[in-house]
Amino acid sequence: MRLPSMTALRAFEAAARHRSLSAAGRELNVTHAAVAQQVRALEADLGLPLAFRDGRGLALTEEGERLADGLGRGFATITAAVQDLRDTDRARPLRVTITPSFAAQWLMPRLGRFWAEHPDIALSLHPEQRVVDLTTEHMDLAIRFGAGKWPGTDSELLTPAFYTIVGAPSLIGDRETLTPAEMAALPWVLEESWPEQHVWLRSLGIDTRKLDVTEVPTEELALSAARQGYGLHVEVSALLDDDIASGRLRIVYRSRFEDGTSYWLVTRPGPKKPALRTLMRWLKSAV
């Protein structure tokens, strides 16, 4: 069955409830003439009279009363369902997918400040290495490392990423910098499955095939090993703030140019709910 225009049904329901074209127009933010036109169009569509003027107000025919009653209950059900969804969405924590290293090294030391400033915004963090589909896994935000171009997403720059070589004082002593030859003579701790670090080291004149390298499966383990003095380590500088400030690690070489890789705030296309916009603004201000 073909339904009449939803605009006409909405206009008639408002006019019947208020018993006034003018009041219905104010509610719907249109003129009373526009409401009258929609009511007449509905009557023409149904082939039945629904309303007539009664003094300065509006009266309904028997058919109009029946339709108004049904529409009133129907629109009330729709309004309640939409409001319930909005309330549920507001109460749902923002789901954030993030790499474990970025979560541990950069986000967690700052997260207490976010919650102090925004105690009403709940977060559900999902640290994992894999790149997830934001839509199918119902993620509100991803913090991703790369060039900032992922199909079907919107990306905003969080912070450029600079590669840095660090070592523990127990390994490098009191030296502030090391030449490529000096670095090549020391042991290394590198993360598996990160070919970019090998490419970057070779660009410095360090032949990674000749290095004394211990490979570990995760970035967290590599950092932990580097803190113990087991070897030099390549890391993105944004993840080293606490280690450098505490003296656990010391920078011996820092890249002097941006290679195009950065950390990005990645979201699904379309409007962003207020809590998500607040979180994204805060993250950028925290860099």
Protein backbone atom coordinates (compact mmCIF):
# COMPACT_ATOMS: atom_id res chain seq x y z
CA MET A 1 0.00 0.00 0.00
CA ARG A 2 1.27 3.44 -0.93
CA LEU A 3 1.41 5.86 1.99
CA PRO A 4 0.66 9.55 1.58
CA SER A 5 3.45 12.09 1.86
CA MET A 6 5.08 11.99 5.31
CA THR A 7 5.28 15.79 5.24
CA ALA A 8 1.53 16.00 4.71
CA LEU A 9 0.84 13.47 7.46
CA ARG A 10 3.11 15.37 9.87
CA ALA A 11 1.42 18.67 9.05
CA PHE A 12 -2.06 17.23 9.53
CA GLU A 13 -1.13 15.56 12.83
CA ALA A 14 0.25 18.85 14.21
CA ALA A 15 -2.80 20.83 13.00
CA ALA A 16 -5.22 18.27 14.48
CA ARG A 17 -3.38 18.20 17.81
CA HIS A 18 -3.33 21.98 18.14
CA ARG A 19 -6.68 22.49 16.40
CA SER A 20 -4.91 25.39 14.71
CA LEU A 21 -3.05 25.87 11.43
CA SER A 22 -1.01 28.74 12.87
CA ALA A 23 0.11 26.77 15.95
CA ALA A 24 1.03 23.82 13.75
CA GLY A 25 3.05 26.13 11.52
CA ARG A 26 4.99 27.48 14.51
CA GLU A 27 5.80 23.95 15.69
CA LEU A 28 6.96 22.86 12.24
CA ASN A 29 8.68 26.17 11.50
CA VAL A 30 6.58 26.86 8.39
CA THR A 31 3.75 29.26 7.59
CA HIS A 32 0.12 28.44 8.38
CA ALA A 33 -0.53 28.60 4.63
CA ALA A 34 2.03 25.84 4.06
CA VAL A 35 0.28 23.68 6.67
CA ALA A 36 -3.10 24.32 5.03
CA GLN A 37 -1.65 23.35 1.65
CA GLN A 38 -0.30 20.07 3.05
CA VAL A 39 -3.67 19.26 4.69
CA ARG A 40 -5.50 19.90 1.41
CA ALA A 41 -2.99 17.71 -0.44
CA LEU A 42 -3.58 14.92 2.07
CA GLU A 43 -7.36 15.21 1.65
CA ALA A 44 -6.94 15.04 -2.14
CA ASP A 45 -4.67 12.00 -1.82
CA LEU A 46 -7.14 10.15 0.42
CA GLY A 47 -10.26 11.42 -1.33
CA LEU A 48 -11.82 12.34 2.05
CA PRO A 49 -12.46 15.57 3.95
CA LEU A 50 -10.42 15.64 7.14
CA ALA A 51 -10.76 19.12 8.62
CA PHE A 52 -12.76 22.31 8.34
CA ARG A 53 -12.68 25.76 9.87
CA ASP A 54 -14.67 26.20 13.06
CA GLY A 55 -14.68 29.86 13.94
CA ARG A 56 -11.05 30.85 14.47
CA GLY A 57 -9.96 27.27 15.05
CA LEU A 58 -9.97 23.96 13.27
CA ALA A 59 -12.42 21.06 13.58
CA LEU A 60 -12.06 17.52 12.33
CA THR A 61 -14.43 15.26 10.47
CA GLU A 62 -15.02 11.76 11.76
CA GLU A 63 -12.41 10.46 9.33
CA GLY A 64 -10.05 13.21 10.41
CA GLU A 65 -10.46 12.24 14.08
CA ARG A 66 -9.62 8.61 13.32
CA LEU A 67 -6.56 9.54 11.28
CA ALA A 68 -5.39 12.07 13.85
CA ASP A 69 -5.62 9.49 16.62
CA GLY A 70 -3.62 6.92 14.68
CA LEU A 71 -1.00 9.43 13.57
CA GLY A 72 -0.63 10.79 17.11
CA ARG A 73 0.09 7.33 18.49
CA GLY A 74 2.37 6.51 15.55
CA PHE A 75 4.49 9.66 15.79
CA ALA A 76 4.70 9.26 19.58
CA THR A 77 6.09 5.74 19.08
CA ILE A 78 8.61 7.00 16.52
CA THR A 79 9.68 9.86 18.81
CA ALA A 80 10.15 7.50 21.76
CA ALA A 81 12.19 5.06 19.68
CA VAL A 82 14.49 7.80 18.34
CA GLN A 83 14.94 9.30 21.80
CA ASP A 84 15.78 5.89 23.20
CA LEU A 85 18.45 5.39 20.56
CA ARG A 86 19.91 8.82 21.27
CA ASP A 87 19.98 8.19 25.00
CA THR A 88 21.60 4.79 24.47
CA ASP A 89 24.22 6.27 22.14
CA ARG A 90 25.05 9.06 24.60
CA ALA A 91 25.55 6.50 27.36
CA ARG A 92 27.70 4.22 25.18
CA PRO A 93 31.45 4.68 25.66
CA LEU A 94 33.42 5.96 22.68
CA ARG A 95 35.18 2.96 21.15
CA VAL A 96 38.78 3.73 20.20
CA THR A 97 41.11 1.33 18.37
CA ILE A 98 44.77 2.05 18.94
CA THR A 99 48.16 0.31 18.80
CA PRO A 100 49.29 -1.12 22.15
CA SER A 101 52.52 0.89 22.12
CA PHE A 102 50.80 4.21 21.46
CA ALA A 103 48.23 3.43 24.14
CA ALA A 104 50.86 2.56 26.74
CA GLN A 105 53.54 5.11 25.90
CA TRP A 106 51.56 8.17 24.83
CA LEU A 107 47.87 7.97 25.66
CA MET A 108 47.75 6.40 29.13
CA PRO A 109 50.04 8.99 30.79
CA ARG A 110 47.71 11.73 29.53
CA LEU A 111 44.34 10.04 29.89
CA GLY A 112 43.81 11.05 33.51
CA ARG A 113 43.84 14.69 32.45
CA PHE A 114 41.17 14.01 29.83
CA TRP A 115 38.88 12.32 32.35
CA ALA A 116 39.46 15.15 34.84
CA GLU A 117 38.35 17.66 32.21
CA HIS A 118 35.56 15.51 30.71
CA PRO A 119 34.27 13.10 33.39
CA ASP A 120 31.03 12.63 31.44
CA ILE A 121 32.75 11.03 28.41
CA ALA A 122 33.41 7.30 28.78
CA LEU A 123 36.05 5.60 26.63
CA SER A 124 36.46 1.97 25.63
CA LEU A 125 40.05 1.45 24.42
CA HIS A 126 40.91 -1.46 22.12
CA PRO A 127 44.71 -1.82 21.84
CA GLU A 128 45.72 -4.13 19.00
CA GLN A 129 48.17 -4.23 16.13
CA ARG A 130 45.76 -5.08 13.33
CA VAL A 131 43.93 -2.44 11.30
CA VAL A 132 40.23 -2.87 12.00
CA ASP A 133 37.22 -1.90 9.93
CA LEU A 134 35.65 1.00 11.79
CA THR A 135 32.15 0.31 10.51
CA THR A 136 31.85 -3.44 10.97
CA GLU A 137 33.53 -3.34 14.38
CA HIS A 138 31.56 -0.27 15.54
CA MET A 139 34.62 1.85 16.30
CA ASP A 140 34.19 5.60 16.76
CA LEU A 141 37.86 6.49 16.35
CA ALA A 142 41.16 4.93 15.27
CA ILE A 143 44.60 6.35 16.00
CA ARG A 144 46.66 5.04 13.12
CA PHE A 145 50.28 5.34 12.01
CA GLY A 146 50.97 5.87 8.32
CA ALA A 147 50.47 8.27 5.44
CA GLY A 148 46.91 9.22 6.38
CA LYS A 149 45.14 7.69 3.40
CA TRP A 150 42.79 4.82 4.13
CA PRO A 151 39.81 4.15 1.81
CA GLY A 152 36.38 4.97 3.18
CA THR A 153 37.64 7.02 6.13
CA ASP A 154 38.27 10.61 7.20
CA SER A 155 41.73 11.42 8.60
CA GLU A 156 42.97 14.36 10.66
CA LEU A 157 46.64 14.80 11.54
CA LEU A 158 47.45 14.16 15.19
CA THR A 159 51.25 14.49 15.18
CA PRO A 160 54.09 13.94 12.70
CA ALA A 161 56.23 10.90 13.44
CA PHE A 162 60.01 11.19 13.58
CA TYR A 163 62.15 8.08 13.84
CA THR A 164 64.54 8.13 16.78
CA ILE A 165 67.36 5.83 17.89
CA VAL A 166 67.59 5.38 21.64
CA GLY A 167 69.75 3.46 24.07
CA ALA A 168 69.92 2.91 27.81
CA PRO A 169 72.70 4.64 29.78
CA SER A 170 73.99 1.18 30.75
CA LEU A 171 74.65 0.54 27.04
CA ILE A 172 75.90 3.89 25.73
CA GLY A 173 77.43 5.36 28.88
CA ASP A 174 77.51 9.15 28.97
CA ARG A 175 77.65 9.63 25.19
CA GLU A 176 75.05 12.09 23.86
CA THR A 177 75.28 11.15 20.18
CA LEU A 178 76.63 8.25 18.16
CA THR A 179 77.91 8.11 14.60
CA PRO A 180 76.47 5.49 12.22
CA ALA A 181 79.71 3.48 12.59
CA GLU A 182 79.46 3.58 16.40
CA MET A 183 75.80 2.54 16.28
CA ALA A 184 76.61 -0.32 13.90
CA ALA A 185 79.12 -1.69 16.42
CA LEU A 186 76.52 -1.98 19.19
CA PRO A 187 73.80 -4.62 19.66
CA TRP A 188 70.24 -3.80 18.60
CA VAL A 189 66.73 -4.73 19.69
CA LEU A 190 64.21 -4.39 16.87
CA GLU A 191 60.58 -5.26 16.47
CA GLU A 192 59.61 -7.99 14.05
CA SER A 193 57.43 -7.17 11.02
CA TRP A 194 58.42 -3.53 10.82
CA PRO A 195 60.37 -3.24 7.55
CA GLU A 196 60.25 0.57 7.59
CA GLN A 197 62.85 0.70 10.37
CA HIS A 198 65.33 -1.28 8.26
CA VAL A 199 64.77 1.00 5.27
CA TRP A 200 65.33 4.07 7.43
CA LEU A 201 68.50 2.67 9.06
CA ARG A 202 69.95 1.86 5.63
CA SER A 203 69.28 5.47 4.60
CA LEU A 204 71.65 6.45 7.44
CA GLY A 205 74.39 4.23 6.05
CA ILE A 206 73.80 1.39 8.52
CA ASP A 207 73.74 -2.05 6.89
CA THR A 208 71.07 -3.85 8.93
CA ARG A 209 72.20 -7.23 7.52
CA LYS A 210 75.48 -6.90 9.44
CA LEU A 211 74.02 -5.73 12.75
CA ASP A 212 73.89 -7.80 15.91
CA VAL A 213 70.08 -7.77 16.12
CA THR A 214 67.70 -9.39 18.56
CA GLU A 215 64.21 -9.38 17.07
CA VAL A 216 61.20 -9.43 19.41
CA PRO A 217 57.55 -9.84 18.45
CA THR A 218 56.09 -6.61 19.84
CA GLU A 219 57.01 -2.98 20.24
CA GLU A 220 56.41 -3.14 24.00
CA LEU A 221 58.92 -5.97 24.43
CA ALA A 222 61.47 -4.18 22.26
CA LEU A 223 61.19 -1.04 24.38
CA SER A 224 61.44 -3.06 27.57
CA ALA A 225 64.60 -4.76 26.29
CA ALA A 226 66.10 -1.42 25.26
CA ARG A 227 65.47 -0.03 28.77
CA GLN A 228 67.46 -2.94 30.17
CA GLY A 229 70.41 -2.03 27.94
CA TYR A 230 70.16 -5.05 25.65
CA GLY A 231 70.54 -2.96 22.50
CA LEU A 232 69.80 0.21 20.59
CA HIS A 233 66.21 0.59 19.45
CA VAL A 234 64.34 2.49 16.72
CA GLU A 235 61.16 4.17 17.89
CA VAL A 236 58.81 6.96 16.93
CA SER A 237 59.73 9.97 19.08
CA ALA A 238 56.14 10.65 20.16
CA LEU A 239 56.18 7.40 22.16
CA LEU A 240 59.34 8.17 24.13
CA ASP A 241 58.39 11.18 26.25
CA ASP A 242 58.30 9.36 29.58
CA ASP A 243 61.40 7.25 28.91
CA ILE A 244 63.45 10.30 27.94
CA ALA A 245 62.17 12.44 30.81
CA SER A 246 62.94 9.70 33.36
CA GLY A 247 66.39 9.00 31.92
CA ARG A 248 65.61 5.33 31.22
CA LEU A 249 66.54 5.92 27.58
CA ARG A 250 68.66 8.52 25.83
CA ILE A 251 68.31 9.74 22.24
CA VAL A 252 71.46 9.13 20.20
CA TYR A 253 70.02 10.00 16.80
CA ARG A 254 66.85 11.76 15.68
CA SER A 255 65.59 12.06 12.11
CA ARG A 256 65.82 15.58 10.76
CA PHE A 257 63.05 15.40 8.19
CA GLU A 258 59.49 14.22 7.95
CA ASP A 259 59.17 11.09 5.85
CA GLY A 260 55.40 11.44 5.41
CA THR A 261 54.42 9.03 8.17
CA SER A 262 52.43 10.43 11.08
CA TYR A 263 49.82 9.55 13.65
CA TRP A 264 46.29 10.25 12.43
CA LEU A 265 42.83 10.47 13.94
CA VAL A 266 40.71 8.28 11.67
CA THR A 267 36.91 8.22 11.69
CA ARG A 268 34.03 7.04 9.55
CA PRO A 269 32.83 9.65 7.04
CA GLY A 270 29.86 11.77 8.07
CA PRO A 271 28.79 13.81 11.09
CA LYS A 272 30.66 13.27 14.36
CA LYS A 273 28.76 13.13 17.64
CA PRO A 274 29.66 15.83 20.19
CA ALA A 275 31.59 13.51 22.53
CA LEU A 276 33.79 12.32 19.66
CA ARG A 277 34.48 15.88 18.52
CA THR A 278 35.46 16.77 22.09
CA LEU A 279 37.85 13.81 22.32
CA MET A 280 39.49 14.63 18.98
CA ARG A 281 39.98 18.30 19.94
CA TRP A 282 41.51 17.23 23.26
CA LEU A 283 43.89 14.74 21.64
CA LYS A 284 45.20 17.39 19.24
CA SER A 285 45.62 19.88 22.09
CA ALA A 286 47.58 17.27 24.09
CA VAL A 287 50.27 16.83 21.43
